């Protein structure tokens, strides 16, 4: 159930072609690195009205699991950082939030 949300300022929002390429790369990261089923991967891009800070930020919400170790999550963030730099030309602030299965309540 990885949900990856990437926020860009309006003036720094990548082109549709770059977002398409970034989406594909992020989906591969979620399936290949995190081991998520593709049907459970959600990737969102939101325009943010920035007060200060990075012109892009990324937040990942994911289920905790024995295979999602700190080393694996560090590798995921390293590759995500590289993907955002390649497809958006920006360095993003990246934060990952893991949730235990029994603390997730969801529909659809």
Protein backbone atom coordinates (compact mmCIF):
# COMPACT_ATOMS: atom_id res chain seq x y z
CA UNK A 1 0.00 0.00 0.00
CA UNK A 2 2.70 2.52 -0.75
CA UNK A 3 1.32 5.99 -1.34
CA UNK A 4 3.93 8.33 -2.72
CA UNK A 5 2.99 12.00 -2.81
CA UNK A 6 5.33 14.49 -4.43
CA UNK A 7 4.71 18.20 -3.97
CA UNK A 8 6.04 20.77 -6.43
CA UNK A 9 5.62 24.52 -6.49
CA UNK A 10 3.46 25.59 -9.43
CA UNK A 11 6.35 27.25 -11.23
CA UNK A 12 8.55 24.15 -10.83
CA UNK A 13 5.96 21.50 -11.76
CA UNK A 14 7.58 19.20 -14.37
CA UNK A 15 6.10 18.78 -17.83
CA UNK A 16 3.60 15.99 -18.46
CA UNK A 17 6.25 13.93 -20.26
CA UNK A 18 8.63 14.25 -17.30
CA UNK A 19 5.84 13.37 -14.86
CA UNK A 20 4.99 10.30 -16.93
CA UNK A 21 8.63 9.18 -16.82
CA UNK A 22 8.84 9.92 -13.09
CA UNK A 23 5.65 7.95 -12.47
CA UNK A 24 7.07 4.91 -14.25
CA UNK A 25 10.34 5.14 -12.31
CA UNK A 26 8.54 5.56 -8.97
CA UNK A 27 6.26 2.60 -9.71
CA UNK A 28 9.31 0.44 -10.40
CA UNK A 29 10.91 1.61 -7.14
CA UNK A 30 7.78 0.71 -5.19
CA UNK A 31 7.47 -2.73 -6.79
CA UNK A 32 11.11 -3.72 -7.15
CA UNK A 33 12.65 -2.12 -4.06
CA UNK A 34 9.70 -2.12 -1.63
CA UNK A 35 8.15 -5.31 -2.98
CA UNK A 36 4.68 -3.80 -3.35
CA UNK A 37 2.07 -5.13 -5.74
CA UNK A 38 1.60 -2.66 -8.60
CA UNK A 39 -2.18 -2.50 -7.94
CA UNK A 40 -1.39 -1.19 -4.45
CA UNK A 41 0.95 1.59 -5.56
CA UNK A 42 -0.48 5.12 -5.60
CA UNK A 43 1.54 8.07 -6.90
CA UNK A 44 0.23 11.61 -6.56
CA UNK A 45 1.60 14.97 -7.67
CA UNK A 46 0.32 18.04 -5.88
CA UNK A 47 0.96 21.71 -6.43
CA UNK A 48 2.12 23.31 -3.23
CA UNK A 49 2.05 26.96 -2.31
CA UNK A 50 5.43 27.26 -0.70
CA UNK A 51 6.24 29.52 2.18
CA UNK A 52 9.88 28.46 2.38
CA UNK A 53 12.04 25.38 1.97
CA UNK A 54 12.68 22.97 -0.86
CA UNK A 55 10.80 23.55 -4.15
CA UNK A 56 9.84 19.85 -4.05
CA UNK A 57 9.12 17.38 -1.31
CA UNK A 58 8.16 13.72 -1.31
CA UNK A 59 6.27 11.73 1.31
CA UNK A 60 5.89 7.98 1.28
CA UNK A 61 3.33 6.20 3.45
CA UNK A 62 3.92 2.45 3.54
CA UNK A 63 3.18 -0.66 5.57
CA UNK A 64 5.93 -1.81 7.86
CA UNK A 65 7.25 -5.27 7.17
CA UNK A 66 10.24 -7.42 8.02
CA UNK A 67 11.84 -6.80 4.63
CA UNK A 68 11.50 -3.04 4.78
CA UNK A 69 14.61 -2.45 6.83
CA UNK A 70 16.33 0.90 7.41
CA UNK A 71 18.96 -0.12 4.84
CA UNK A 72 16.27 -0.88 2.24
CA UNK A 73 14.41 2.36 2.95
CA UNK A 74 17.66 4.31 2.64
CA UNK A 75 18.21 2.72 -0.78
CA UNK A 76 14.63 3.56 -1.79
CA UNK A 77 15.14 7.21 -0.78
CA UNK A 78 18.49 7.39 -2.58
CA UNK A 79 16.94 6.11 -5.81
CA UNK A 80 13.85 8.31 -5.41
CA UNK A 81 16.09 11.35 -4.94
CA UNK A 82 17.94 10.46 -8.13
CA UNK A 83 14.67 9.96 -10.05
CA UNK A 84 13.29 13.34 -8.95
CA UNK A 85 16.55 15.04 -9.89
CA UNK A 86 16.58 13.33 -13.30
CA UNK A 87 12.94 13.94 -14.24
CA UNK A 88 12.22 17.22 -12.43
CA UNK A 89 15.64 18.81 -12.13
CA UNK A 90 15.09 19.35 -8.40
CA UNK A 91 16.40 18.09 -5.10
CA UNK A 92 13.44 17.11 -2.96
CA UNK A 93 13.02 16.78 0.77
CA UNK A 94 12.05 13.11 1.23
CA UNK A 95 10.24 11.63 4.23
CA UNK A 96 8.97 8.06 4.66
CA UNK A 97 6.30 7.07 7.19
CA UNK A 98 5.80 3.40 8.00
CA UNK A 99 2.59 2.09 9.54
CA UNK A 100 1.92 -1.21 11.28
CA UNK A 101 -0.81 -3.33 9.64
CA UNK A 102 -3.06 -3.10 12.69
CA UNK A 103 -2.99 0.71 12.65
CA UNK A 104 -4.22 1.10 9.07
CA UNK A 105 -7.95 1.45 8.44
CA UNK A 106 -8.83 1.85 4.78
CA UNK A 107 -11.48 1.46 2.11
CA UNK A 108 -11.19 0.88 -1.59
